[in-house]
Amino acid sequence: MVMAKRTRAAGVPALLATVGLLVVVGCSADPTVNTMLGPQVYGGHYSGATATGDTPEGAAFAQWVVQQDPTQRYITGAVVRNDDSLGVKVQPNVTRGDLERLLGSLTEGMARTFPGRPVRTIAFYQSGDKLAEADFDPRTGRVNVGFAR
């Protein structure tokens, strides 16, 4: 019985360290990134890329996104959160001009799919660092693209 208590007690620091690591890894200064990291209950792998969402409609849109690039020339994954935020992981070879056009098109597509609300598309490097984002304003009908520093 003493042995069981020691084993259990010895496992507590390891468990706390693991939980602490998960909390640190899961946190970001960008709240949108934190929103994108939540559990995805719909979707899966399509066309060799991951497409998920937290609603069936979001997962369907993420699937459409990866189907637009079946050879993964630019996109390797897509996730939709709250039917207003799209995150895409992009290949490192994407040019700034191609990314700007891609984000504009994807954001316009999302605005048509989820009408009447502001939507955002965020491009991430494969490492998970934010590369750029595009925001759609339903009042003006315009998409603004900005690049991370």
C-alpha atoms as a PDB file:
ATOM      1  CA  MET A   1       0.000   0.000   0.000  1.00  0.00           C
ATOM      2  CA  VAL A   2       2.860   2.385   0.733  1.00  0.00           C
ATOM      3  CA  MET A   3       4.239   1.620  -2.732  1.00  0.00           C
ATOM      4  CA  ALA A   4       0.955   2.639  -4.364  1.00  0.00           C
ATOM      5  CA  LYS A   5       0.960   5.972  -2.541  1.00  0.00           C
ATOM      6  CA  ARG A   6       4.523   6.718  -3.628  1.00  0.00           C
ATOM      7  CA  THR A   7       3.763   5.880  -7.243  1.00  0.00           C
ATOM      8  CA  ARG A   8       0.660   8.002  -7.178  1.00  0.00           C
ATOM      9  CA  ALA A   9       2.464  10.906  -5.494  1.00  0.00           C
ATOM     10  CA  ALA A  10       5.392  10.617  -7.910  1.00  0.00           C
ATOM     11  CA  GLY A  11       2.958  10.874 -10.826  1.00  0.00           C
ATOM     12  CA  VAL A  12       1.396  14.125  -9.575  1.00  0.00           C
ATOM     13  CA  PRO A  13       4.363  16.408 -10.442  1.00  0.00           C
ATOM     14  CA  ALA A  14       4.576  14.844 -13.909  1.00  0.00           C
ATOM     15  CA  LEU A  15       0.846  15.353 -14.415  1.00  0.00           C
ATOM     16  CA  LEU A  16       1.062  18.980 -13.262  1.00  0.00           C
ATOM     17  CA  ALA A  17       4.019  19.605 -15.588  1.00  0.00           C
ATOM     18  CA  THR A  18       2.090  18.150 -18.518  1.00  0.00           C
ATOM     19  CA  VAL A  19      -1.000  20.238 -17.755  1.00  0.00           C
ATOM     20  CA  GLY A  20       1.176  23.344 -17.395  1.00  0.00           C
ATOM     21  CA  LEU A  21       2.823  22.656 -20.743  1.00  0.00           C
ATOM     22  CA  LEU A  22      -0.543  22.222 -22.438  1.00  0.00           C
ATOM     23  CA  VAL A  23      -1.778  25.502 -20.970  1.00  0.00           C
ATOM     24  CA  VAL A  24       1.327  27.376 -22.158  1.00  0.00           C
ATOM     25  CA  VAL A  25       1.223  25.834 -25.638  1.00  0.00           C
ATOM     26  CA  GLY A  26      -2.502  26.521 -25.948  1.00  0.00           C
ATOM     27  CA  CYS A  27      -2.227  30.212 -25.048  1.00  0.00           C
ATOM     28  CA  SER A  28      -1.452  33.020 -27.433  1.00  0.00           C
ATOM     29  CA  ALA A  29      -1.492  36.801 -27.331  1.00  0.00           C
ATOM     30  CA  ASP A  30      -3.928  36.688 -30.275  1.00  0.00           C
ATOM     31  CA  PRO A  31      -7.421  35.731 -29.033  1.00  0.00           C
ATOM     32  CA  THR A  32      -8.406  34.580 -32.520  1.00  0.00           C
ATOM     33  CA  VAL A  33      -5.610  32.000 -32.452  1.00  0.00           C
ATOM     34  CA  ASN A  34      -6.893  30.758 -29.099  1.00  0.00           C
ATOM     35  CA  THR A  35     -10.384  30.486 -30.582  1.00  0.00           C
ATOM     36  CA  MET A  36      -9.043  28.457 -33.499  1.00  0.00           C
ATOM     37  CA  LEU A  37      -7.291  25.970 -31.184  1.00  0.00           C
ATOM     38  CA  GLY A  38     -10.464  24.659 -29.582  1.00  0.00           C
ATOM     39  CA  PRO A  39     -11.826  21.171 -30.197  1.00  0.00           C
ATOM     40  CA  GLN A  40     -13.223  20.469 -33.632  1.00  0.00           C
ATOM     41  CA  VAL A  41     -16.119  18.046 -33.590  1.00  0.00           C
ATOM     42  CA  TYR A  42     -16.921  17.914 -37.309  1.00  0.00           C
ATOM     43  CA  GLY A  43     -14.802  17.195 -40.361  1.00  0.00           C
ATOM     44  CA  GLY A  44     -11.594  15.310 -40.901  1.00  0.00           C
ATOM     45  CA  HIS A  45      -9.174  14.669 -43.752  1.00  0.00           C
ATOM     46  CA  TYR A  46     -10.160  15.649 -47.283  1.00  0.00           C
ATOM     47  CA  SER A  47      -7.991  15.788 -50.374  1.00  0.00           C
ATOM     48  CA  GLY A  48      -4.966  15.017 -48.195  1.00  0.00           C
ATOM     49  CA  ALA A  49      -5.551  18.049 -45.960  1.00  0.00           C
ATOM     50  CA  THR A  50      -7.399  18.545 -42.675  1.00  0.00           C
ATOM     51  CA  ALA A  51     -10.759  20.340 -42.780  1.00  0.00           C
ATOM     52  CA  THR A  52     -12.658  20.788 -39.523  1.00  0.00           C
ATOM     53  CA  GLY A  53     -15.220  23.008 -37.867  1.00  0.00           C
ATOM     54  CA  ASP A  54     -17.157  23.348 -34.662  1.00  0.00           C
ATOM     55  CA  THR A  55     -20.468  23.221 -36.581  1.00  0.00           C
ATOM     56  CA  PRO A  56     -21.514  21.022 -39.510  1.00  0.00           C
ATOM     57  CA  GLU A  57     -21.734  24.131 -41.724  1.00  0.00           C
ATOM     58  CA  GLY A  58     -18.267  25.260 -40.671  1.00  0.00           C
ATOM     59  CA  ALA A  59     -16.787  21.836 -41.381  1.00  0.00           C
ATOM     60  CA  ALA A  60     -18.477  21.796 -44.799  1.00  0.00           C
ATOM     61  CA  PHE A  61     -16.973  25.190 -45.624  1.00  0.00           C
ATOM     62  CA  ALA A  62     -13.533  24.052 -44.435  1.00  0.00           C
ATOM     63  CA  GLN A  63     -13.883  21.008 -46.689  1.00  0.00           C
ATOM     64  CA  TRP A  64     -14.775  23.274 -49.623  1.00  0.00           C
ATOM     65  CA  VAL A  65     -11.663  25.361 -48.899  1.00  0.00           C
ATOM     66  CA  VAL A  66      -9.272  22.404 -49.058  1.00  0.00           C
ATOM     67  CA  GLN A  67     -11.045  21.064 -52.159  1.00  0.00           C
ATOM     68  CA  GLN A  68     -10.164  24.316 -53.952  1.00  0.00           C
ATOM     69  CA  ASP A  69      -6.490  23.329 -53.679  1.00  0.00           C
ATOM     70  CA  PRO A  70      -6.481  19.514 -54.109  1.00  0.00           C
ATOM     71  CA  THR A  71      -2.717  19.346 -54.777  1.00  0.00           C
ATOM     72  CA  GLN A  72      -2.005  21.375 -51.629  1.00  0.00           C
ATOM     73  CA  ARG A  73      -0.042  23.930 -53.610  1.00  0.00           C
ATOM     74  CA  TYR A  74      -0.963  26.566 -51.039  1.00  0.00           C
ATOM     75  CA  ILE A  75      -3.318  25.142 -48.377  1.00  0.00           C
ATOM     76  CA  THR A  76      -2.626  22.165 -46.115  1.00  0.00           C
ATOM     77  CA  GLY A  77      -5.493  22.583 -43.660  1.00  0.00           C
ATOM     78  CA  ALA A  78      -8.577  24.626 -42.841  1.00  0.00           C
ATOM     79  CA  VAL A  79     -10.607  25.126 -39.669  1.00  0.00           C
ATOM     80  CA  VAL A  80     -13.787  27.152 -39.141  1.00  0.00           C
ATOM     81  CA  ARG A  81     -14.776  28.429 -35.706  1.00  0.00           C
ATOM     82  CA  ASN A  82     -18.133  29.980 -34.779  1.00  0.00           C
ATOM     83  CA  ASP A  83     -19.030  30.253 -38.490  1.00  0.00           C
ATOM     84  CA  ASP A  84     -17.140  33.564 -38.626  1.00  0.00           C
ATOM     85  CA  SER A  85     -13.426  32.695 -38.459  1.00  0.00           C
ATOM     86  CA  LEU A  86     -11.495  30.611 -40.971  1.00  0.00           C
ATOM     87  CA  GLY A  87      -7.953  29.516 -40.267  1.00  0.00           C
ATOM     88  CA  VAL A  88      -5.809  28.094 -43.059  1.00  0.00           C
ATOM     89  CA  LYS A  89      -2.336  26.595 -42.867  1.00  0.00           C
ATOM     90  CA  VAL A  90      -0.333  27.524 -45.938  1.00  0.00           C
ATOM     91  CA  GLN A  91       2.769  26.154 -47.617  1.00  0.00           C
ATOM     92  CA  PRO A  92       6.000  28.120 -47.041  1.00  0.00           C
ATOM     93  CA  ASN A  93       6.382  28.712 -50.798  1.00  0.00           C
ATOM     94  CA  VAL A  94       3.251  30.877 -51.113  1.00  0.00           C
ATOM     95  CA  THR A  95       4.109  34.376 -52.322  1.00  0.00           C
ATOM     96  CA  ARG A  96       2.780  37.510 -50.695  1.00  0.00           C
ATOM     97  CA  GLY A  97       0.714  38.356 -53.789  1.00  0.00           C
ATOM     98  CA  ASP A  98      -0.741  34.848 -54.042  1.00  0.00           C
ATOM     99  CA  LEU A  99      -1.576  34.865 -50.341  1.00  0.00           C
ATOM    100  CA  GLU A 100      -3.292  38.236 -50.583  1.00  0.00           C
ATOM    101  CA  ARG A 101      -5.466  37.014 -53.491  1.00  0.00           C
ATOM    102  CA  LEU A 102      -6.130  33.702 -51.741  1.00  0.00           C
ATOM    103  CA  LEU A 103      -7.205  35.360 -48.490  1.00  0.00           C
ATOM    104  CA  GLY A 104      -9.414  37.817 -50.352  1.00  0.00           C
ATOM    105  CA  SER A 105     -11.165  35.021 -52.264  1.00  0.00           C
ATOM    106  CA  LEU A 106     -11.597  32.768 -49.248  1.00  0.00           C
ATOM    107  CA  THR A 107     -12.941  35.616 -47.126  1.00  0.00           C
ATOM    108  CA  GLU A 108     -15.438  36.625 -49.829  1.00  0.00           C
ATOM    109  CA  GLY A 109     -16.537  32.987 -50.103  1.00  0.00           C
ATOM    110  CA  MET A 110     -17.003  32.777 -46.367  1.00  0.00           C
ATOM    111  CA  ALA A 111     -19.002  36.023 -46.352  1.00  0.00           C
ATOM    112  CA  ARG A 112     -21.337  34.539 -48.996  1.00  0.00           C
ATOM    113  CA  THR A 113     -21.654  31.274 -47.062  1.00  0.00           C
ATOM    114  CA  PHE A 114     -22.290  32.985 -43.717  1.00  0.00           C
ATOM    115  CA  PRO A 115     -23.997  36.239 -44.790  1.00  0.00           C
ATOM    116  CA  GLY A 116     -24.719  39.342 -42.744  1.00  0.00           C
ATOM    117  CA  ARG A 117     -21.800  39.128 -40.332  1.00  0.00           C
ATOM    118  CA  PRO A 118     -18.171  40.168 -40.219  1.00  0.00           C
ATOM    119  CA  VAL A 119     -15.877  37.260 -41.065  1.00  0.00           C
ATOM    120  CA  ARG A 120     -12.144  36.766 -40.760  1.00  0.00           C
ATOM    121  CA  THR A 121      -9.654  34.509 -42.510  1.00  0.00           C
ATOM    122  CA  ILE A 122      -6.270  33.941 -40.902  1.00  0.00           C
ATOM    123  CA  ALA A 123      -3.304  32.330 -42.648  1.00  0.00           C
ATOM    124  CA  PHE A 124      -0.806  30.444 -40.521  1.00  0.00           C
ATOM    125  CA  TYR A 125       2.631  29.102 -41.281  1.00  0.00           C
ATOM    126  CA  GLN A 126       3.019  25.328 -40.839  1.00  0.00           C
ATOM    127  CA  SER A 127       4.547  26.116 -37.427  1.00  0.00           C
ATOM    128  CA  GLY A 128       1.271  27.741 -36.342  1.00  0.00           C
ATOM    129  CA  ASP A 129       2.602  31.316 -36.330  1.00  0.00           C
ATOM    130  CA  LYS A 130       0.248  33.880 -37.839  1.00  0.00           C
ATOM    131  CA  LEU A 131       1.235  35.085 -41.313  1.00  0.00           C
ATOM    132  CA  ALA A 132      -1.665  37.290 -42.425  1.00  0.00           C
ATOM    133  CA  GLU A 133      -5.368  37.906 -41.975  1.00  0.00           C
ATOM    134  CA  ALA A 134      -8.263  39.227 -43.991  1.00  0.00           C
ATOM    135  CA  ASP A 135     -11.381  40.818 -42.529  1.00  0.00           C
ATOM    136  CA  PHE A 136     -14.728  41.292 -44.273  1.00  0.00           C
ATOM    137  CA  ASP A 137     -16.975  44.164 -43.200  1.00  0.00           C
ATOM    138  CA  PRO A 138     -20.617  43.503 -44.190  1.00  0.00           C
ATOM    139  CA  ARG A 139     -21.458  47.215 -43.954  1.00  0.00           C
ATOM    140  CA  THR A 140     -18.984  48.153 -46.685  1.00  0.00           C
ATOM    141  CA  GLY A 141     -18.712  44.804 -48.475  1.00  0.00           C
ATOM    142  CA  ARG A 142     -14.919  45.174 -48.459  1.00  0.00           C
ATOM    143  CA  VAL A 143     -12.130  42.781 -47.544  1.00  0.00           C
ATOM    144  CA  ASN A 144      -8.993  44.180 -45.912  1.00  0.00           C
ATOM    145  CA  VAL A 145      -5.849  42.043 -45.863  1.00  0.00           C
ATOM    146  CA  GLY A 146      -3.022  42.652 -43.393  1.00  0.00           C
ATOM    147  CA  PHE A 147       0.275  40.852 -42.928  1.00  0.00           C
ATOM    148  CA  ALA A 148       1.898  39.964 -39.615  1.00  0.00           C
ATOM    149  CA  ARG A 149       5.315  41.411 -38.922  1.00  0.00           C
END
